[in-house]
C-alpha atoms as a PDB file:
ATOM      1  CA  MET A   1      -0.083  -0.011  -0.023  1.00  0.00           C
ATOM      2  CA  GLN A   2       1.323   3.420  -0.994  1.00  0.00           C
ATOM      3  CA  THR A   3       1.164   6.372   1.383  1.00  0.00           C
ATOM      4  CA  SER A   4      -0.078   9.741   0.020  1.00  0.00           C
ATOM      5  CA  GLU A   5       3.149  11.338   1.648  1.00  0.00           C
ATOM      6  CA  THR A   6       6.307  11.163  -0.264  1.00  0.00           C
ATOM      7  CA  LEU A   7       9.451  11.614   1.779  1.00  0.00           C
ATOM      8  CA  ASP A   8      12.450  13.572   0.735  1.00  0.00           C
ATOM      9  CA  LEU A   9      14.842  10.632   0.617  1.00  0.00           C
ATOM     10  CA  LYS A  10      17.890  12.704   0.033  1.00  0.00           C
ATOM     11  CA  SER A  11      17.289  14.428   3.452  1.00  0.00           C
ATOM     12  CA  LEU A  12      17.450  10.956   5.163  1.00  0.00           C
ATOM     13  CA  ILE A  13      21.028  10.298   4.013  1.00  0.00           C
ATOM     14  CA  ARG A  14      23.656  11.561   6.170  1.00  0.00           C
ATOM     15  CA  SER A  15      26.734  13.230   4.603  1.00  0.00           C
ATOM     16  CA  ILE A  16      29.992  12.720   6.390  1.00  0.00           C
ATOM     17  CA  PRO A  17      32.716  15.148   5.347  1.00  0.00           C
ATOM     18  CA  ASP A  18      36.410  13.866   5.097  1.00  0.00           C
ATOM     19  CA  TYR A  19      35.566  10.134   5.363  1.00  0.00           C
ATOM     20  CA  PRO A  20      37.252   7.743   4.608  1.00  0.00           C
ATOM     21  CA  LYS A  21      39.833  10.291   3.873  1.00  0.00           C
ATOM     22  CA  THR A  22      40.196  14.153   3.484  1.00  0.00           C
ATOM     23  CA  GLY A  23      38.197  15.674   0.654  1.00  0.00           C
ATOM     24  CA  ILE A  24      35.637  12.877   0.448  1.00  0.00           C
ATOM     25  CA  ILE A  25      31.970  13.318   1.499  1.00  0.00           C
ATOM     26  CA  PHE A  26      30.739   9.918   2.383  1.00  0.00           C
ATOM     27  CA  ARG A  27      27.019   9.400   1.677  1.00  0.00           C
ATOM     28  CA  ASP A  28      25.799   7.231   4.505  1.00  0.00           C
ATOM     29  CA  ILE A  29      22.660   5.194   3.855  1.00  0.00           C
ATOM     30  CA  THR A  30      22.426   3.759   7.412  1.00  0.00           C
ATOM     31  CA  SER A  31      20.216   6.687   8.433  1.00  0.00           C
ATOM     32  CA  LEU A  32      17.942   6.028   5.565  1.00  0.00           C
ATOM     33  CA  ILE A  33      17.594   2.311   6.254  1.00  0.00           C
ATOM     34  CA  ALA A  34      17.042   3.191   9.936  1.00  0.00           C
ATOM     35  CA  HIS A  35      14.072   5.301   8.910  1.00  0.00           C
ATOM     36  CA  GLY A  36      11.120   2.781   8.329  1.00  0.00           C
ATOM     37  CA  ALA A  37       9.094   4.842   6.111  1.00  0.00           C
ATOM     38  CA  GLY A  38      12.148   6.063   4.238  1.00  0.00           C
ATOM     39  CA  PHE A  39      13.519   2.456   3.662  1.00  0.00           C
ATOM     40  CA  LYS A  40      10.205   1.247   2.572  1.00  0.00           C
ATOM     41  CA  GLN A  41       9.696   4.114   0.099  1.00  0.00           C
ATOM     42  CA  SER A  42      13.149   3.722  -1.341  1.00  0.00           C
ATOM     43  CA  VAL A  43      12.653  -0.031  -1.786  1.00  0.00           C
ATOM     44  CA  ARG A  44       9.365   0.650  -3.578  1.00  0.00           C
ATOM     45  CA  GLN A  45      10.828   3.339  -5.824  1.00  0.00           C
ATOM     46  CA  LEU A  46      13.894   1.115  -6.766  1.00  0.00           C
ATOM     47  CA  VAL A  47      11.391  -1.797  -7.720  1.00  0.00           C
ATOM     48  CA  ASP A  48       8.753   0.272  -9.432  1.00  0.00           C
ATOM     49  CA  PRO A  49      10.223   0.726 -12.930  1.00  0.00           C
ATOM     50  CA  TYR A  50      10.876  -3.140 -13.200  1.00  0.00           C
ATOM     51  CA  ARG A  51       7.532  -4.385 -12.056  1.00  0.00           C
ATOM     52  CA  GLY A  52       5.931  -6.493 -14.805  1.00  0.00           C
ATOM     53  CA  GLN A  53       9.122  -7.043 -16.701  1.00  0.00           C
ATOM     54  CA  GLY A  54       9.576 -10.696 -15.746  1.00  0.00           C
ATOM     55  CA  ILE A  55      12.586 -10.441 -13.397  1.00  0.00           C
ATOM     56  CA  ASP A  56      13.608 -13.752 -12.198  1.00  0.00           C
ATOM     57  CA  LYS A  57      16.207 -12.806  -9.894  1.00  0.00           C
ATOM     58  CA  ILE A  58      17.734  -9.670  -8.049  1.00  0.00           C
ATOM     59  CA  VAL A  59      21.474  -9.655  -7.714  1.00  0.00           C
ATOM     60  CA  GLY A  60      22.914  -7.440  -5.043  1.00  0.00           C
ATOM     61  CA  ILE A  61      26.539  -6.264  -4.860  1.00  0.00           C
ATOM     62  CA  GLU A  62      28.183  -6.840  -1.528  1.00  0.00           C
ATOM     63  CA  ALA A  63      27.418  -5.488   1.107  1.00  0.00           C
ATOM     64  CA  ARG A  64      24.864  -2.806   0.933  1.00  0.00           C
ATOM     65  CA  GLY A  65      23.360  -4.030  -2.203  1.00  0.00           C
ATOM     66  CA  PHE A  66      22.255  -6.943  -0.024  1.00  0.00           C
ATOM     67  CA  ILE A  67      20.115  -4.712   2.231  1.00  0.00           C
ATOM     68  CA  PHE A  68      18.080  -3.242  -0.782  1.00  0.00           C
ATOM     69  CA  GLY A  69      18.252  -6.192  -3.063  1.00  0.00           C
ATOM     70  CA  GLY A  70      16.866  -8.567  -0.399  1.00  0.00           C
ATOM     71  CA  ALA A  71      13.875  -6.260   0.237  1.00  0.00           C
ATOM     72  CA  MET A  72      13.321  -5.730  -3.571  1.00  0.00           C
ATOM     73  CA  ALA A  73      13.377  -9.568  -4.224  1.00  0.00           C
ATOM     74  CA  GLU A  74      10.673  -9.950  -1.530  1.00  0.00           C
ATOM     75  CA  GLN A  75       8.616  -7.295  -3.158  1.00  0.00           C
ATOM     76  CA  LEU A  76       8.766  -9.027  -6.585  1.00  0.00           C
ATOM     77  CA  GLY A  77       8.402 -12.430  -5.106  1.00  0.00           C
ATOM     78  CA  VAL A  78      11.707 -13.597  -6.801  1.00  0.00           C
ATOM     79  CA  GLY A  79      15.033 -14.955  -5.464  1.00  0.00           C
ATOM     80  CA  PHE A  80      18.076 -13.025  -4.401  1.00  0.00           C
ATOM     81  CA  VAL A  81      21.743 -13.813  -5.300  1.00  0.00           C
ATOM     82  CA  PRO A  82      24.709 -12.096  -3.871  1.00  0.00           C
ATOM     83  CA  ILE A  83      27.822 -11.083  -5.580  1.00  0.00           C
ATOM     84  CA  ARG A  84      30.550 -11.038  -2.967  1.00  0.00           C
ATOM     85  CA  LYS A  85      34.241 -10.164  -2.751  1.00  0.00           C
ATOM     86  CA  GLN A  86      36.808 -12.798  -3.556  1.00  0.00           C
ATOM     87  CA  GLY A  87      36.823 -15.784  -1.013  1.00  0.00           C
ATOM     88  CA  LYS A  88      33.515 -15.125   0.807  1.00  0.00           C
ATOM     89  CA  LEU A  89      31.419 -17.580  -0.996  1.00  0.00           C
ATOM     90  CA  PRO A  90      31.738 -21.429  -0.282  1.00  0.00           C
ATOM     91  CA  GLY A  91      31.538 -23.951  -3.252  1.00  0.00           C
ATOM     92  CA  GLU A  92      32.182 -23.421  -6.855  1.00  0.00           C
ATOM     93  CA  VAL A  93      32.343 -19.835  -7.977  1.00  0.00           C
ATOM     94  CA  ILE A  94      32.924 -17.734 -11.067  1.00  0.00           C
ATOM     95  CA  GLY A  95      34.872 -14.590 -10.631  1.00  0.00           C
ATOM     96  CA  GLN A  96      35.599 -11.249 -12.302  1.00  0.00           C
ATOM     97  CA  ASP A  97      38.582  -9.013 -11.630  1.00  0.00           C
ATOM     98  CA  TYR A  98      38.344  -5.337 -12.033  1.00  0.00           C
ATOM     99  CA  ALA A  99      40.692  -2.465 -11.846  1.00  0.00           C
ATOM    100  CA  LEU A 100      41.048  -0.223  -8.747  1.00  0.00           C
ATOM    101  CA  GLU A 101      43.049   3.032  -8.469  1.00  0.00           C
ATOM    102  CA  TYR A 102      46.136   1.025  -7.358  1.00  0.00           C
ATOM    103  CA  GLY A 103      45.796  -2.437  -8.415  1.00  0.00           C
ATOM    104  CA  THR A 104      42.914  -5.009  -8.836  1.00  0.00           C
ATOM    105  CA  ASP A 105      39.996  -6.433  -6.895  1.00  0.00           C
ATOM    106  CA  ARG A 106      37.819  -9.480  -7.691  1.00  0.00           C
ATOM    107  CA  ILE A 107      34.027 -10.316  -7.157  1.00  0.00           C
ATOM    108  CA  GLU A 108      32.512 -13.739  -7.239  1.00  0.00           C
ATOM    109  CA  LEU A 109      29.193 -15.497  -7.729  1.00  0.00           C
ATOM    110  CA  HIS A 110      28.249 -18.987  -7.189  1.00  0.00           C
ATOM    111  CA  ALA A 111      28.611 -21.044 -10.359  1.00  0.00           C
ATOM    112  CA  ASP A 112      24.987 -22.246 -10.259  1.00  0.00           C
ATOM    113  CA  ALA A 113      23.201 -19.088  -9.061  1.00  0.00           C
ATOM    114  CA  ILE A 114      22.190 -17.857 -12.544  1.00  0.00           C
ATOM    115  CA  LYS A 115      20.633 -20.127 -15.353  1.00  0.00           C
ATOM    116  CA  ALA A 116      21.198 -19.005 -18.819  1.00  0.00           C
ATOM    117  CA  GLY A 117      18.574 -16.470 -20.080  1.00  0.00           C
ATOM    118  CA  GLU A 118      17.257 -15.467 -16.647  1.00  0.00           C
ATOM    119  CA  LYS A 119      16.210 -11.953 -16.264  1.00  0.00           C
ATOM    120  CA  ILE A 120      18.271 -10.202 -13.823  1.00  0.00           C
ATOM    121  CA  LEU A 121      18.006  -6.777 -11.935  1.00  0.00           C
ATOM    122  CA  LEU A 122      21.508  -5.667 -10.615  1.00  0.00           C
ATOM    123  CA  VAL A 123      21.346  -3.630  -7.282  1.00  0.00           C
ATOM    124  CA  ASP A 124      23.582  -1.556  -4.969  1.00  0.00           C
ATOM    125  CA  ASP A 125      23.259   1.330  -2.793  1.00  0.00           C
ATOM    126  CA  LEU A 126      25.532   3.770  -4.647  1.00  0.00           C
ATOM    127  CA  ILE A 127      27.180   4.141  -8.019  1.00  0.00           C
ATOM    128  CA  ALA A 128      30.336   6.186  -8.325  1.00  0.00           C
ATOM    129  CA  THR A 129      32.893   5.213 -10.895  1.00  0.00           C
ATOM    130  CA  GLY A 130      30.952   2.202 -11.820  1.00  0.00           C
ATOM    131  CA  GLY A 131      33.971  -0.233 -11.791  1.00  0.00           C
ATOM    132  CA  THR A 132      32.264  -2.786  -9.301  1.00  0.00           C
ATOM    133  CA  ALA A 133      28.918  -2.496 -11.106  1.00  0.00           C
ATOM    134  CA  ALA A 134      30.616  -2.990 -14.632  1.00  0.00           C
ATOM    135  CA  ALA A 135      32.467  -5.875 -13.318  1.00  0.00           C
ATOM    136  CA  ALA A 136      29.255  -7.310 -11.992  1.00  0.00           C
ATOM    137  CA  VAL A 137      27.629  -6.928 -15.339  1.00  0.00           C
ATOM    138  CA  ASP A 138      30.615  -8.666 -17.095  1.00  0.00           C
ATOM    139  CA  LEU A 139      30.168 -11.553 -14.536  1.00  0.00           C
ATOM    140  CA  LEU A 140      26.588 -11.784 -14.831  1.00  0.00           C
ATOM    141  CA  ARG A 141      26.690 -11.941 -18.725  1.00  0.00           C
ATOM    142  CA  ARG A 142      29.436 -14.610 -18.453  1.00  0.00           C
ATOM    143  CA  ALA A 143      26.991 -16.573 -16.287  1.00  0.00           C
ATOM    144  CA  GLY A 144      24.320 -16.107 -19.158  1.00  0.00           C
ATOM    145  CA  ALA A 145      22.163 -13.486 -17.457  1.00  0.00           C
ATOM    146  CA  ASP A 146      19.776 -11.252 -19.350  1.00  0.00           C
ATOM    147  CA  ILE A 147      20.428  -7.972 -17.440  1.00  0.00           C
ATOM    148  CA  VAL A 148      17.071  -6.098 -17.551  1.00  0.00           C
ATOM    149  CA  GLY A 149      18.426  -3.171 -15.690  1.00  0.00           C
ATOM    150  CA  SER A 150      20.399  -1.826 -12.557  1.00  0.00           C
ATOM    151  CA  ALA A 151      19.046   0.153  -9.633  1.00  0.00           C
ATOM    152  CA  PHE A 152      20.910   2.292  -7.147  1.00  0.00           C
ATOM    153  CA  VAL A 153      19.838   4.586  -4.265  1.00  0.00           C
ATOM    154  CA  ILE A 154      22.563   7.089  -4.831  1.00  0.00           C
ATOM    155  CA  ASP A 155      24.378   8.323  -8.015  1.00  0.00           C
ATOM    156  CA  LEU A 156      27.518  10.348  -7.872  1.00  0.00           C
ATOM    157  CA  PRO A 157      27.183  11.641 -11.594  1.00  0.00           C
ATOM    158  CA  GLU A 158      30.434  13.395 -11.698  1.00  0.00           C
ATOM    159  CA  LEU A 159      32.348  10.151 -11.413  1.00  0.00           C
ATOM    160  CA  GLY A 160      30.574   8.738 -14.574  1.00  0.00           C
ATOM    161  CA  GLY A 161      29.460   5.373 -13.192  1.00  0.00           C
ATOM    162  CA  THR A 162      25.847   5.535 -14.729  1.00  0.00           C
ATOM    163  CA  ASP A 163      27.448   6.562 -18.057  1.00  0.00           C
ATOM    164  CA  ALA A 164      29.894   3.469 -18.028  1.00  0.00           C
ATOM    165  CA  LEU A 165      26.845   1.266 -17.345  1.00  0.00           C
ATOM    166  CA  ARG A 166      24.833   2.604 -20.234  1.00  0.00           C
ATOM    167  CA  ALA A 167      27.731   2.213 -22.456  1.00  0.00           C
ATOM    168  CA  LYS A 168      27.393  -1.529 -21.719  1.00  0.00           C
ATOM    169  CA  GLY A 169      23.733  -1.367 -22.767  1.00  0.00           C
ATOM    170  CA  VAL A 170      22.481  -1.569 -19.141  1.00  0.00           C
ATOM    171  CA  ASP A 171      19.477   0.448 -18.033  1.00  0.00           C
ATOM    172  CA  VAL A 172      20.304   2.524 -14.997  1.00  0.00           C
ATOM    173  CA  HIS A 173      17.696   3.709 -12.430  1.00  0.00           C
ATOM    174  CA  CYS A 174      18.859   6.021  -9.416  1.00  0.00           C
ATOM    175  CA  LEU A 175      16.846   7.632  -6.931  1.00  0.00           C
ATOM    176  CA  ILE A 176      18.893  10.449  -5.798  1.00  0.00           C
ATOM    177  CA  ALA A 177      22.043  12.187  -7.193  1.00  0.00           C
ATOM    178  CA  PHE A 178      24.573  14.107  -5.075  1.00  0.00           C
ATOM    179  CA  GLU A 179      26.290  16.449  -7.271  1.00  0.00           C
ATOM    180  CA  GLY A 180      30.122  17.045  -6.469  1.00  0.00           C
ATOM    181  CA  LEU A 181      32.459  14.821  -4.762  1.00  0.00           C
END
């Protein structure tokens, strides 16, 4: 059930200057998810564009993508699949390396988590440069997924992540944009 009042979700996100290092403004979603009505509204708004599109599974990127992705999967009545950092999943996995500012990192997915042709919605709390999300797209495509779209609570548009995903042919839906760094 939808309420007639729409909350200003941006006002529910705490901005913490100089974290984790000087010059960075950290956008903290813990204040949003602690607000019951704000969390409920954000999940609904993330899901709404994808209702009726035959989504088979929600895939969430570690770790905050699990919070929104699990709630979204429940809303759509579908399964949830985690993408985790290297070494966190038991059993057979497939992985994808991606570049960081200094070096590389790796994300992994259970090898049997996605069946070829399944319609997937990729979810995380925030998109910045898009490196992790782009690696997740590559990983999911290697697994045979049909990526219907991606959804993020926060976009940092100056960092180009949404453009990077769109360049890969992935629909991007964001609830809030924070201009500047």
